[in-house]
Amino acid sequence: MKKLTSLLLVTTLILLFTGYAAIGNAAPKPKAKELYGMVVFLKGSEFFNWCYAGFRDAAATVGPNIVTELQGPAEWDAAGEARAVEQLVAKKAKGIAVTAGNADTLVASINTAIKMKVPTLCFDSDSPKSKRLLFIGPDNFNAGFAAGKAIGEKLGNKARVGITGIPGLDAIKGRVKGFEAGLASVAPEAKVVATVNDEGDLNKAESVNTAMLQAHPEINAIFCAHGVPATGAVKATVNVGRNSGDSKVLVCGYANDVSVMEMIERGELACSVVQDPYLTGVVSFWNLYAAAHPGQFKNMNYPEFGDTPSANIDTGVKVIFKGDPLVKVFKSSPKIR
């Protein structure tokens, strides 16, 4: 009986130790899938492709459980963009980065995301009235200031400028104010003569800029306050016969896509305001990831989220001309799968 009892005890101990060993050597459980979304107001844009490439590449460094999606309308549609944010919330995304096609239209969907405890931030174009965590991207006033200063330095007090943009977009309002200040800082007698609404459409940009140049022949420079109208503005100078010689209209773009870089190389576009969209995407992802994984520090404005700054992050801009090394860099475009 004693032998049987000893045998049972030994067997039990062996099984226990074997069990503990098995637990210790077991493969770690795979981490739960985490979805992070980027929402844009013009899907397919080269600029936003650069942003998403940075976002996606940053996510890939964390692990295979991190999944990203690029969402948003193919045509400029702020309401469609708001729906894309709502769809990501319904998918239980761990974080959302959104560029506001219209600052006010995005308020409700952003606020709903925050209420549902989905960290949400704005990049490139802000929705400051929303409860977004923070804004990542260039300070739009400073970006416009750089463009205004560049044109003022080229044309001096004789600068007579037309501006093409979209009214109501928070980013463009800031850029236009900055442009006027930058122009005045180096050419106090220079003037902004007219402003037109290109509606974010290439064909519309050509027609409204052509009409502007016809109505105001004194204009000798055009500032494109966003990424779409550069091609249309250049075509407009051709339409009125002012794309060369002493009467040439200097066009300053606000984009870094391939076509813009090619126009700079050919001398059709005088310059362009460029930012670092890849960096913007990288910084956007890491702030969302930090917010979704609270650590030692807390966000001052949103203590329920993790290690994100309470202040905006300015990623800066540069005005580039023909011969700048960045022209060649931006002549390539990231592949988005």
C-alpha atoms as a PDB file:
ATOM      1  CA  MET A   1       0.000   0.000   0.000  1.00  0.00           C
ATOM      2  CA  LYS A   2       2.857   2.303   0.894  1.00  0.00           C
ATOM      3  CA  LYS A   3       4.540   1.514  -2.439  1.00  0.00           C
ATOM      4  CA  LEU A   4       1.309   2.324  -4.308  1.00  0.00           C
ATOM      5  CA  THR A   5       0.942   5.598  -2.418  1.00  0.00           C
ATOM      6  CA  SER A   6       4.571   6.549  -3.173  1.00  0.00           C
ATOM      7  CA  LEU A   7       4.103   5.660  -6.838  1.00  0.00           C
ATOM      8  CA  LEU A   8       0.975   7.791  -7.077  1.00  0.00           C
ATOM      9  CA  LEU A   9       2.774  10.688  -5.388  1.00  0.00           C
ATOM     10  CA  VAL A  10       5.741  10.445  -7.739  1.00  0.00           C
ATOM     11  CA  THR A  11       3.429  10.166 -10.766  1.00  0.00           C
ATOM     12  CA  THR A  12       1.453  13.207  -9.612  1.00  0.00           C
ATOM     13  CA  LEU A  13       4.624  15.236  -9.122  1.00  0.00           C
ATOM     14  CA  ILE A  14       5.923  14.227 -12.573  1.00  0.00           C
ATOM     15  CA  LEU A  15       2.648  15.263 -14.176  1.00  0.00           C
ATOM     16  CA  LEU A  16       2.680  18.583 -12.324  1.00  0.00           C
ATOM     17  CA  PHE A  17       6.265  19.392 -13.296  1.00  0.00           C
ATOM     18  CA  THR A  18       5.633  18.237 -16.869  1.00  0.00           C
ATOM     19  CA  GLY A  19       2.616  20.538 -17.003  1.00  0.00           C
ATOM     20  CA  TYR A  20       4.605  23.502 -15.726  1.00  0.00           C
ATOM     21  CA  ALA A  21       7.366  22.778 -18.243  1.00  0.00           C
ATOM     22  CA  ALA A  22       4.845  22.610 -21.063  1.00  0.00           C
ATOM     23  CA  ILE A  23       3.384  25.940 -20.008  1.00  0.00           C
ATOM     24  CA  GLY A  24       6.834  27.493 -19.812  1.00  0.00           C
ATOM     25  CA  ASN A  25       7.832  26.278 -23.254  1.00  0.00           C
ATOM     26  CA  ALA A  26       4.499  26.991 -24.948  1.00  0.00           C
ATOM     27  CA  ALA A  27       4.575  29.360 -27.931  1.00  0.00           C
ATOM     28  CA  PRO A  28       3.336  32.833 -26.983  1.00  0.00           C
ATOM     29  CA  LYS A  29      -0.231  33.576 -27.935  1.00  0.00           C
ATOM     30  CA  PRO A  30      -0.493  35.679 -31.085  1.00  0.00           C
ATOM     31  CA  LYS A  31      -1.262  39.309 -30.369  1.00  0.00           C
ATOM     32  CA  ALA A  32      -4.771  40.523 -31.109  1.00  0.00           C
ATOM     33  CA  LYS A  33      -5.304  42.251 -34.429  1.00  0.00           C
ATOM     34  CA  GLU A  34      -5.323  46.053 -34.248  1.00  0.00           C
ATOM     35  CA  LEU A  35      -6.772  48.210 -37.033  1.00  0.00           C
ATOM     36  CA  TYR A  36      -5.552  51.762 -37.626  1.00  0.00           C
ATOM     37  CA  GLY A  37      -7.199  53.841 -40.342  1.00  0.00           C
ATOM     38  CA  MET A  38      -6.168  56.870 -42.372  1.00  0.00           C
ATOM     39  CA  VAL A  39      -9.054  58.858 -43.873  1.00  0.00           C
ATOM     40  CA  VAL A  40      -8.486  61.361 -46.685  1.00  0.00           C
ATOM     41  CA  PHE A  41     -10.782  63.610 -48.703  1.00  0.00           C
ATOM     42  CA  LEU A  42      -9.241  62.672 -52.060  1.00  0.00           C
ATOM     43  CA  LYS A  43      -8.239  59.022 -52.251  1.00  0.00           C
ATOM     44  CA  GLY A  44      -5.663  58.405 -54.968  1.00  0.00           C
ATOM     45  CA  SER A  45      -3.897  61.737 -54.440  1.00  0.00           C
ATOM     46  CA  GLU A  46      -0.109  61.314 -54.648  1.00  0.00           C
ATOM     47  CA  PHE A  47       0.306  63.502 -51.579  1.00  0.00           C
ATOM     48  CA  PHE A  48      -1.977  61.304 -49.508  1.00  0.00           C
ATOM     49  CA  ASN A  49      -0.296  58.203 -50.913  1.00  0.00           C
ATOM     50  CA  TRP A  50       2.952  59.505 -49.438  1.00  0.00           C
ATOM     51  CA  CYS A  51       1.188  60.117 -46.111  1.00  0.00           C
ATOM     52  CA  TYR A  52      -0.267  56.624 -46.086  1.00  0.00           C
ATOM     53  CA  ALA A  53       3.076  55.058 -47.059  1.00  0.00           C
ATOM     54  CA  GLY A  54       4.620  56.553 -43.910  1.00  0.00           C
ATOM     55  CA  PHE A  55       1.622  55.484 -41.837  1.00  0.00           C
ATOM     56  CA  ARG A  56       1.717  51.920 -43.208  1.00  0.00           C
ATOM     57  CA  ASP A  57       5.492  51.544 -42.907  1.00  0.00           C
ATOM     58  CA  ALA A  58       5.491  52.738 -39.298  1.00  0.00           C
ATOM     59  CA  ALA A  59       2.739  50.234 -38.468  1.00  0.00           C
ATOM     60  CA  ALA A  60       4.714  47.395 -40.072  1.00  0.00           C
ATOM     61  CA  THR A  61       7.557  47.894 -37.598  1.00  0.00           C
ATOM     62  CA  VAL A  62       5.279  46.968 -34.683  1.00  0.00           C
ATOM     63  CA  GLY A  63       4.246  43.523 -35.868  1.00  0.00           C
ATOM     64  CA  PRO A  64       1.982  41.514 -38.187  1.00  0.00           C
ATOM     65  CA  ASN A  65      -1.007  42.039 -35.894  1.00  0.00           C
ATOM     66  CA  ILE A  66      -1.114  45.730 -36.859  1.00  0.00           C
ATOM     67  CA  VAL A  67      -3.368  46.327 -39.878  1.00  0.00           C
ATOM     68  CA  THR A  68      -3.876  49.637 -41.672  1.00  0.00           C
ATOM     69  CA  GLU A  69      -6.504  50.916 -44.086  1.00  0.00           C
ATOM     70  CA  LEU A  70      -6.637  53.951 -46.360  1.00  0.00           C
ATOM     71  CA  GLN A  71     -10.216  55.192 -46.628  1.00  0.00           C
ATOM     72  CA  GLY A  72     -12.051  58.150 -48.120  1.00  0.00           C
ATOM     73  CA  PRO A  73     -13.857  59.280 -51.270  1.00  0.00           C
ATOM     74  CA  ALA A  74     -12.207  59.313 -54.702  1.00  0.00           C
ATOM     75  CA  GLU A  75     -13.840  62.695 -55.358  1.00  0.00           C
ATOM     76  CA  TRP A  76     -13.709  65.670 -53.001  1.00  0.00           C
ATOM     77  CA  ASP A  77     -16.578  64.869 -50.626  1.00  0.00           C
ATOM     78  CA  ALA A  78     -16.437  65.942 -46.970  1.00  0.00           C
ATOM     79  CA  ALA A  79     -19.649  64.054 -46.136  1.00  0.00           C
ATOM     80  CA  GLY A  80     -18.202  60.885 -47.668  1.00  0.00           C
ATOM     81  CA  GLU A  81     -15.087  61.385 -45.587  1.00  0.00           C
ATOM     82  CA  ALA A  82     -17.182  61.688 -42.428  1.00  0.00           C
ATOM     83  CA  ARG A  83     -18.892  58.398 -43.282  1.00  0.00           C
ATOM     84  CA  ALA A  84     -15.479  56.751 -43.687  1.00  0.00           C
ATOM     85  CA  VAL A  85     -14.583  57.811 -40.139  1.00  0.00           C
ATOM     86  CA  GLU A  86     -17.860  56.374 -38.861  1.00  0.00           C
ATOM     87  CA  GLN A  87     -17.218  53.086 -40.665  1.00  0.00           C
ATOM     88  CA  LEU A  88     -13.803  52.738 -39.028  1.00  0.00           C
ATOM     89  CA  VAL A  89     -15.374  53.364 -35.624  1.00  0.00           C
ATOM     90  CA  ALA A  90     -17.906  50.600 -36.405  1.00  0.00           C
ATOM     91  CA  LYS A  91     -14.983  48.294 -37.235  1.00  0.00           C
ATOM     92  CA  LYS A  92     -13.579  49.012 -33.751  1.00  0.00           C
ATOM     93  CA  ALA A  93     -10.436  50.640 -35.089  1.00  0.00           C
ATOM     94  CA  LYS A  94      -7.747  51.295 -32.487  1.00  0.00           C
ATOM     95  CA  GLY A  95      -6.995  54.711 -33.965  1.00  0.00           C
ATOM     96  CA  ILE A  96      -7.937  57.052 -36.829  1.00  0.00           C
ATOM     97  CA  ALA A  97      -5.940  59.776 -38.589  1.00  0.00           C
ATOM     98  CA  VAL A  98      -8.114  62.080 -40.699  1.00  0.00           C
ATOM     99  CA  THR A  99      -7.406  65.105 -42.884  1.00  0.00           C
ATOM    100  CA  ALA A 100     -10.403  67.407 -42.833  1.00  0.00           C
ATOM    101  CA  GLY A 101     -11.799  68.141 -46.289  1.00  0.00           C
ATOM    102  CA  ASN A 102     -14.123  70.530 -44.485  1.00  0.00           C
ATOM    103  CA  ALA A 103     -13.352  71.518 -40.907  1.00  0.00           C
ATOM    104  CA  ASP A 104     -16.976  71.775 -39.745  1.00  0.00           C
ATOM    105  CA  THR A 105     -18.359  68.726 -41.571  1.00  0.00           C
ATOM    106  CA  LEU A 106     -15.927  66.407 -39.770  1.00  0.00           C
ATOM    107  CA  VAL A 107     -16.706  67.667 -36.246  1.00  0.00           C
ATOM    108  CA  ALA A 108     -19.568  65.269 -35.502  1.00  0.00           C
ATOM    109  CA  SER A 109     -17.839  62.103 -36.740  1.00  0.00           C
ATOM    110  CA  ILE A 110     -14.577  62.957 -34.964  1.00  0.00           C
ATOM    111  CA  ASN A 111     -16.402  63.711 -31.727  1.00  0.00           C
ATOM    112  CA  THR A 112     -18.310  60.430 -31.986  1.00  0.00           C
ATOM    113  CA  ALA A 113     -15.046  58.536 -32.444  1.00  0.00           C
ATOM    114  CA  ILE A 114     -13.564  60.167 -29.342  1.00  0.00           C
ATOM    115  CA  LYS A 115     -16.769  59.435 -27.392  1.00  0.00           C
ATOM    116  CA  MET A 116     -16.440  55.780 -28.423  1.00  0.00           C
ATOM    117  CA  LYS A 117     -12.857  55.881 -27.080  1.00  0.00           C
ATOM    118  CA  VAL A 118     -11.240  55.594 -30.511  1.00  0.00           C
ATOM    119  CA  PRO A 119      -8.165  57.891 -30.535  1.00  0.00           C
ATOM    120  CA  THR A 120      -8.599  60.258 -33.468  1.00  0.00           C
ATOM    121  CA  LEU A 121      -6.255  62.986 -34.700  1.00  0.00           C
ATOM    122  CA  CYS A 122      -6.140  65.344 -37.670  1.00  0.00           C
ATOM    123  CA  PHE A 123      -3.247  65.655 -40.102  1.00  0.00           C
ATOM    124  CA  ASP A 124      -2.525  68.031 -42.998  1.00  0.00           C
ATOM    125  CA  SER A 125      -5.863  69.865 -42.678  1.00  0.00           C
ATOM    126  CA  ASP A 126      -7.333  70.441 -39.234  1.00  0.00           C
ATOM    127  CA  SER A 127     -10.800  70.426 -37.691  1.00  0.00           C
ATOM    128  CA  PRO A 128      -9.993  72.650 -34.706  1.00  0.00           C
ATOM    129  CA  LYS A 129     -13.563  72.809 -33.368  1.00  0.00           C
ATOM    130  CA  SER A 130     -13.656  69.031 -32.973  1.00  0.00           C
ATOM    131  CA  LYS A 131     -12.388  67.040 -30.007  1.00  0.00           C
ATOM    132  CA  ARG A 132      -9.537  65.500 -32.027  1.00  0.00           C
ATOM    133  CA  LEU A 133      -6.455  64.646 -29.967  1.00  0.00           C
ATOM    134  CA  LEU A 134      -4.081  66.938 -31.836  1.00  0.00           C
ATOM    135  CA  PHE A 135      -3.124  68.218 -35.280  1.00  0.00           C
ATOM    136  CA  ILE A 136      -0.051  66.927 -37.143  1.00  0.00           C
ATOM    137  CA  GLY A 137       1.186  68.855 -40.141  1.00  0.00           C
ATOM    138  CA  PRO A 138       2.552  72.210 -41.192  1.00  0.00           C
ATOM    139  CA  ASP A 139       1.328  75.339 -39.507  1.00  0.00           C
ATOM    140  CA  ASN A 140      -0.747  76.658 -42.394  1.00  0.00           C
ATOM    141  CA  PHE A 141      -0.063  80.316 -41.631  1.00  0.00           C
ATOM    142  CA  ASN A 142       3.686  79.661 -41.697  1.00  0.00           C
ATOM    143  CA  ALA A 143       3.356  77.653 -44.918  1.00  0.00           C
ATOM    144  CA  GLY A 144       1.501  80.503 -46.620  1.00  0.00           C
ATOM    145  CA  PHE A 145       4.001  82.992 -45.206  1.00  0.00           C
ATOM    146  CA  ALA A 146       6.873  81.088 -46.857  1.00  0.00           C
ATOM    147  CA  ALA A 147       5.088  81.207 -50.232  1.00  0.00           C
ATOM    148  CA  GLY A 148       4.252  84.906 -49.936  1.00  0.00           C
ATOM    149  CA  LYS A 149       7.834  85.727 -48.971  1.00  0.00           C
ATOM    150  CA  ALA A 150       9.179  83.720 -51.940  1.00  0.00           C
ATOM    151  CA  ILE A 151       6.948  85.539 -54.444  1.00  0.00           C
ATOM    152  CA  GLY A 152       7.691  88.900 -52.816  1.00  0.00           C
ATOM    153  CA  GLU A 153      11.412  88.284 -53.125  1.00  0.00           C
ATOM    154  CA  LYS A 154      11.014  87.381 -56.818  1.00  0.00           C
ATOM    155  CA  LEU A 155       8.750  90.247 -57.890  1.00  0.00           C
ATOM    156  CA  GLY A 156       9.192  92.877 -55.181  1.00  0.00           C
ATOM    157  CA  ASN A 157       6.656  95.678 -54.778  1.00  0.00           C
ATOM    158  CA  LYS A 158       5.454  95.112 -58.343  1.00  0.00           C
ATOM    159  CA  ALA A 159       3.867  91.790 -57.349  1.00  0.00           C
ATOM    160  CA  ARG A 160       0.166  91.642 -58.215  1.00  0.00           C
ATOM    161  CA  VAL A 161      -1.136  88.264 -57.100  1.00  0.00           C
ATOM    162  CA  GLY A 162      -4.170  86.122 -57.809  1.00  0.00           C
ATOM    163  CA  ILE A 163      -5.002  83.294 -55.405  1.00  0.00           C
ATOM    164  CA  THR A 164      -6.770  80.057 -56.333  1.00  0.00           C
ATOM    165  CA  GLY A 165      -8.267  77.905 -53.570  1.00  0.00           C
ATOM    166  CA  ILE A 166     -11.399  76.570 -51.884  1.00  0.00           C
ATOM    167  CA  PRO A 167     -13.306  78.768 -49.433  1.00  0.00           C
ATOM    168  CA  GLY A 168     -14.316  77.119 -46.152  1.00  0.00           C
ATOM    169  CA  LEU A 169     -11.301  74.850 -45.823  1.00  0.00           C
ATOM    170  CA  ASP A 170      -9.554  75.717 -42.569  1.00  0.00           C
ATOM    171  CA  ALA A 171      -6.090  74.938 -43.941  1.00  0.00           C
ATOM    172  CA  ILE A 172      -6.551  77.242 -46.931  1.00  0.00           C
ATOM    173  CA  LYS A 173      -7.801  80.126 -44.799  1.00  0.00           C
ATOM    174  CA  GLY A 174      -4.613  79.911 -42.766  1.00  0.00           C
ATOM    175  CA  ARG A 175      -2.396  79.685 -45.849  1.00  0.00           C
ATOM    176  CA  VAL A 176      -3.996  82.728 -47.483  1.00  0.00           C
ATOM    177  CA  LYS A 177      -3.569  84.841 -44.348  1.00  0.00           C
ATOM    178  CA  GLY A 178       0.024  83.701 -44.056  1.00  0.00           C
ATOM    179  CA  PHE A 179       0.663  84.388 -47.741  1.00  0.00           C
ATOM    180  CA  GLU A 180      -0.552  87.969 -47.416  1.00  0.00           C
ATOM    181  CA  ALA A 181       1.656  88.500 -44.368  1.00  0.00           C
ATOM    182  CA  GLY A 182       4.696  86.911 -46.029  1.00  0.00           C
ATOM    183  CA  LEU A 183       4.247  89.008 -49.161  1.00  0.00           C
ATOM    184  CA  ALA A 184       3.941  92.206 -47.131  1.00  0.00           C
ATOM    185  CA  SER A 185       7.036  91.353 -45.072  1.00  0.00           C
ATOM    186  CA  VAL A 186       9.346  91.756 -48.086  1.00  0.00           C
ATOM    187  CA  ALA A 187       7.209  93.763 -50.510  1.00  0.00           C
ATOM    188  CA  PRO A 188       4.899  96.112 -48.564  1.00  0.00           C
ATOM    189  CA  GLU A 189       3.499  97.687 -51.732  1.00  0.00           C
ATOM    190  CA  ALA A 190       2.650  94.353 -53.375  1.00  0.00           C
ATOM    191  CA  LYS A 191      -1.034  93.433 -53.580  1.00  0.00           C
ATOM    192  CA  VAL A 192      -3.371  90.448 -53.739  1.00  0.00           C
ATOM    193  CA  VAL A 193      -5.681  91.442 -56.593  1.00  0.00           C
ATOM    194  CA  ALA A 194      -8.227  88.598 -56.770  1.00  0.00           C
ATOM    195  CA  THR A 195      -9.169  85.213 -55.322  1.00  0.00           C
ATOM    196  CA  VAL A 196     -11.029  82.442 -57.171  1.00  0.00           C
ATOM    197  CA  ASN A 197     -12.725  79.195 -56.119  1.00  0.00           C
ATOM    198  CA  ASP A 198     -11.378  76.218 -58.090  1.00  0.00           C
ATOM    199  CA  GLU A 199     -13.553  73.720 -56.139  1.00  0.00           C
ATOM    200  CA  GLY A 200     -10.660  71.262 -55.993  1.00  0.00           C
ATOM    201  CA  ASP A 201     -11.126  70.350 -59.657  1.00  0.00           C
ATOM    202  CA  LEU A 202      -8.406  70.463 -62.323  1.00  0.00           C
ATOM    203  CA  ASN A 203     -10.697  71.605 -65.146  1.00  0.00           C
ATOM    204  CA  LYS A 204     -12.407  74.154 -62.953  1.00  0.00           C
ATOM    205  CA  ALA A 205      -9.008  75.483 -61.899  1.00  0.00           C
ATOM    206  CA  GLU A 206      -8.092  76.134 -65.531  1.00  0.00           C
ATOM    207  CA  SER A 207     -11.338  77.951 -66.319  1.00  0.00           C
ATOM    208  CA  VAL A 208     -11.520  80.168 -63.220  1.00  0.00           C
ATOM    209  CA  ASN A 209      -7.838  81.105 -63.405  1.00  0.00           C
ATOM    210  CA  THR A 210      -8.152  81.911 -67.102  1.00  0.00           C
ATOM    211  CA  ALA A 211     -11.103  84.174 -66.312  1.00  0.00           C
ATOM    212  CA  MET A 212      -9.161  85.781 -63.454  1.00  0.00           C
ATOM    213  CA  LEU A 213      -6.188  86.595 -65.710  1.00  0.00           C
ATOM    214  CA  GLN A 214      -8.505  88.008 -68.366  1.00  0.00           C
ATOM    215  CA  ALA A 215     -10.324  90.190 -65.843  1.00  0.00           C
ATOM    216  CA  HIS A 216      -7.114  91.325 -64.125  1.00  0.00           C
ATOM    217  CA  PRO A 217      -4.297  91.660 -66.690  1.00  0.00           C
ATOM    218  CA  GLU A 218      -2.110  93.296 -64.031  1.00  0.00           C
ATOM    219  CA  ILE A 219      -1.720  89.933 -62.238  1.00  0.00           C
ATOM    220  CA  ASN A 220       1.859  88.669 -62.560  1.00  0.00           C
ATOM    221  CA  ALA A 221       1.751  85.805 -60.039  1.00  0.00           C
ATOM    222  CA  ILE A 222      -0.694  83.103 -58.952  1.00  0.00           C
ATOM    223  CA  PHE A 223      -0.549  81.373 -55.587  1.00  0.00           C
ATOM    224  CA  CYS A 224      -2.183  77.936 -55.526  1.00  0.00           C
ATOM    225  CA  ALA A 225      -3.360  77.551 -51.938  1.00  0.00           C
ATOM    226  CA  HIS A 226      -3.709  73.759 -52.117  1.00  0.00           C
ATOM    227  CA  GLY A 227      -2.485  70.786 -54.106  1.00  0.00           C
ATOM    228  CA  VAL A 228      -4.974  70.556 -56.972  1.00  0.00           C
ATOM    229  CA  PRO A 229      -4.947  73.771 -59.065  1.00  0.00           C
ATOM    230  CA  ALA A 230      -1.268  74.056 -60.131  1.00  0.00           C
ATOM    231  CA  THR A 231      -1.794  72.360 -63.512  1.00  0.00           C
ATOM    232  CA  GLY A 232      -4.940  74.390 -64.184  1.00  0.00           C
ATOM    233  CA  ALA A 233      -3.218  77.639 -63.252  1.00  0.00           C
ATOM    234  CA  VAL A 234      -0.298  76.902 -65.598  1.00  0.00           C
ATOM    235  CA  LYS A 235      -2.734  76.068 -68.420  1.00  0.00           C
ATOM    236  CA  ALA A 236      -4.519  79.347 -67.721  1.00  0.00           C
ATOM    237  CA  THR A 237      -1.288  81.287 -68.356  1.00  0.00           C
ATOM    238  CA  VAL A 238      -0.980  79.489 -71.702  1.00  0.00           C
ATOM    239  CA  ASN A 239      -4.614  80.299 -72.571  1.00  0.00           C
ATOM    240  CA  VAL A 240      -3.995  84.041 -72.189  1.00  0.00           C
ATOM    241  CA  GLY A 241      -0.547  83.933 -73.821  1.00  0.00           C
ATOM    242  CA  ARG A 242       1.381  84.751 -70.659  1.00  0.00           C
ATOM    243  CA  ASN A 243       3.457  81.622 -70.129  1.00  0.00           C
ATOM    244  CA  SER A 244       6.762  83.070 -71.380  1.00  0.00           C
ATOM    245  CA  GLY A 245       8.685  86.276 -71.928  1.00  0.00           C
ATOM    246  CA  ASP A 246       8.421  89.496 -69.959  1.00  0.00           C
ATOM    247  CA  SER A 247       4.670  89.064 -69.432  1.00  0.00           C
ATOM    248  CA  LYS A 248       5.016  85.555 -67.937  1.00  0.00           C
ATOM    249  CA  VAL A 249       2.871  84.917 -64.861  1.00  0.00           C
ATOM    250  CA  LEU A 250       4.814  83.313 -62.021  1.00  0.00           C
ATOM    251  CA  VAL A 251       2.840  80.354 -60.616  1.00  0.00           C
ATOM    252  CA  CYS A 252       3.566  78.979 -57.143  1.00  0.00           C
ATOM    253  CA  GLY A 253       2.072  75.543 -56.442  1.00  0.00           C
ATOM    254  CA  TYR A 254       1.312  73.845 -53.159  1.00  0.00           C
ATOM    255  CA  ALA A 255       2.054  70.207 -53.913  1.00  0.00           C
ATOM    256  CA  ASN A 256       4.825  67.681 -54.352  1.00  0.00           C
ATOM    257  CA  ASP A 257       3.300  65.219 -56.840  1.00  0.00           C
ATOM    258  CA  VAL A 258       5.118  64.002 -59.943  1.00  0.00           C
ATOM    259  CA  SER A 259       3.347  66.319 -62.410  1.00  0.00           C
ATOM    260  CA  VAL A 260       4.204  69.372 -60.303  1.00  0.00           C
ATOM    261  CA  MET A 261       7.864  68.362 -60.116  1.00  0.00           C
ATOM    262  CA  GLU A 262       7.947  67.877 -63.887  1.00  0.00           C
ATOM    263  CA  MET A 263       6.418  71.334 -64.437  1.00  0.00           C
ATOM    264  CA  ILE A 264       9.118  72.849 -62.222  1.00  0.00           C
ATOM    265  CA  GLU A 265      11.835  71.053 -64.195  1.00  0.00           C
ATOM    266  CA  ARG A 266      10.375  72.352 -67.472  1.00  0.00           C
ATOM    267  CA  GLY A 267      10.153  75.880 -66.113  1.00  0.00           C
ATOM    268  CA  GLU A 268       6.360  76.026 -66.404  1.00  0.00           C
ATOM    269  CA  LEU A 269       5.860  76.281 -62.654  1.00  0.00           C
ATOM    270  CA  ALA A 270       8.097  78.767 -60.842  1.00  0.00           C
ATOM    271  CA  CYS A 271       8.075  77.004 -57.486  1.00  0.00           C
ATOM    272  CA  SER A 272       6.006  74.899 -55.094  1.00  0.00           C
ATOM    273  CA  VAL A 273       5.426  74.718 -51.372  1.00  0.00           C
ATOM    274  CA  VAL A 274       6.222  71.175 -50.259  1.00  0.00           C
ATOM    275  CA  GLN A 275       5.913  69.416 -46.939  1.00  0.00           C
ATOM    276  CA  ASP A 276       7.065  66.006 -45.749  1.00  0.00           C
ATOM    277  CA  PRO A 277       3.975  63.816 -46.205  1.00  0.00           C
ATOM    278  CA  TYR A 278       5.822  60.571 -45.411  1.00  0.00           C
ATOM    279  CA  LEU A 279       6.955  61.977 -42.049  1.00  0.00           C
ATOM    280  CA  THR A 280       3.402  63.176 -41.406  1.00  0.00           C
ATOM    281  CA  GLY A 281       2.136  59.614 -41.859  1.00  0.00           C
ATOM    282  CA  VAL A 282       4.831  58.136 -39.609  1.00  0.00           C
ATOM    283  CA  VAL A 283       4.186  60.624 -36.804  1.00  0.00           C
ATOM    284  CA  SER A 284       0.409  60.162 -37.146  1.00  0.00           C
ATOM    285  CA  PHE A 285       0.640  56.390 -36.693  1.00  0.00           C
ATOM    286  CA  TRP A 286       2.961  56.507 -33.691  1.00  0.00           C
ATOM    287  CA  ASN A 287       0.759  59.024 -31.896  1.00  0.00           C
ATOM    288  CA  LEU A 288      -2.313  56.866 -32.483  1.00  0.00           C
ATOM    289  CA  TYR A 289      -0.464  53.739 -31.340  1.00  0.00           C
ATOM    290  CA  ALA A 290       0.712  55.530 -28.194  1.00  0.00           C
ATOM    291  CA  ALA A 291      -2.826  56.765 -27.514  1.00  0.00           C
ATOM    292  CA  ALA A 292      -4.185  53.234 -27.859  1.00  0.00           C
ATOM    293  CA  HIS A 293      -1.579  51.838 -25.424  1.00  0.00           C
ATOM    294  CA  PRO A 294      -1.587  54.016 -22.304  1.00  0.00           C
ATOM    295  CA  GLY A 295       1.745  54.031 -20.520  1.00  0.00           C
ATOM    296  CA  GLN A 296       3.391  56.060 -17.804  1.00  0.00           C
ATOM    297  CA  PHE A 297       2.326  59.466 -19.093  1.00  0.00           C
ATOM    298  CA  LYS A 298      -1.149  60.718 -19.838  1.00  0.00           C
ATOM    299  CA  ASN A 299      -2.532  63.164 -22.345  1.00  0.00           C
ATOM    300  CA  MET A 300      -3.372  66.336 -20.434  1.00  0.00           C
ATOM    301  CA  ASN A 301      -6.584  66.913 -22.386  1.00  0.00           C
ATOM    302  CA  TYR A 302      -7.675  63.271 -22.708  1.00  0.00           C
ATOM    303  CA  PRO A 303      -6.460  61.227 -19.714  1.00  0.00           C
ATOM    304  CA  GLU A 304      -8.251  58.112 -21.001  1.00  0.00           C
ATOM    305  CA  PHE A 305      -5.717  57.942 -23.844  1.00  0.00           C
ATOM    306  CA  GLY A 306      -2.000  57.308 -23.726  1.00  0.00           C
ATOM    307  CA  ASP A 307       1.252  59.039 -24.480  1.00  0.00           C
ATOM    308  CA  THR A 308       0.233  61.678 -27.020  1.00  0.00           C
ATOM    309  CA  PRO A 309       1.245  65.340 -26.880  1.00  0.00           C
ATOM    310  CA  SER A 310      -1.358  67.872 -25.852  1.00  0.00           C
ATOM    311  CA  ALA A 311       0.048  70.357 -28.389  1.00  0.00           C
ATOM    312  CA  ASN A 312       0.062  70.210 -32.176  1.00  0.00           C
ATOM    313  CA  ILE A 313       3.104  68.922 -34.081  1.00  0.00           C
ATOM    314  CA  ASP A 314       4.419  71.190 -36.862  1.00  0.00           C
ATOM    315  CA  THR A 315       6.095  69.129 -39.611  1.00  0.00           C
ATOM    316  CA  GLY A 316       7.185  72.233 -41.566  1.00  0.00           C
ATOM    317  CA  VAL A 317       7.397  73.194 -45.259  1.00  0.00           C
ATOM    318  CA  LYS A 318       9.923  74.336 -47.851  1.00  0.00           C
ATOM    319  CA  VAL A 319       9.476  76.357 -51.046  1.00  0.00           C
ATOM    320  CA  ILE A 320      11.405  74.575 -53.804  1.00  0.00           C
ATOM    321  CA  PHE A 321      12.550  75.890 -57.179  1.00  0.00           C
ATOM    322  CA  LYS A 322      14.114  74.272 -60.240  1.00  0.00           C
ATOM    323  CA  GLY A 323      17.362  72.538 -59.297  1.00  0.00           C
ATOM    324  CA  ASP A 324      16.371  71.684 -55.740  1.00  0.00           C
ATOM    325  CA  PRO A 325      17.288  68.036 -54.909  1.00  0.00           C
ATOM    326  CA  LEU A 326      13.770  67.452 -53.580  1.00  0.00           C
ATOM    327  CA  VAL A 327      12.419  67.782 -57.134  1.00  0.00           C
ATOM    328  CA  LYS A 328      14.004  64.432 -58.005  1.00  0.00           C
ATOM    329  CA  VAL A 329      12.863  62.840 -54.730  1.00  0.00           C
ATOM    330  CA  PHE A 330       9.224  63.674 -55.349  1.00  0.00           C
ATOM    331  CA  LYS A 331       9.339  62.552 -58.981  1.00  0.00           C
ATOM    332  CA  SER A 332       8.841  59.041 -57.607  1.00  0.00           C
ATOM    333  CA  SER A 333       5.530  58.088 -56.034  1.00  0.00           C
ATOM    334  CA  PRO A 334       4.975  55.345 -53.423  1.00  0.00           C
ATOM    335  CA  LYS A 335       3.052  52.254 -54.434  1.00  0.00           C
ATOM    336  CA  ILE A 336      -0.115  51.838 -52.389  1.00  0.00           C
ATOM    337  CA  ARG A 337      -1.529  48.339 -52.111  1.00  0.00           C
END
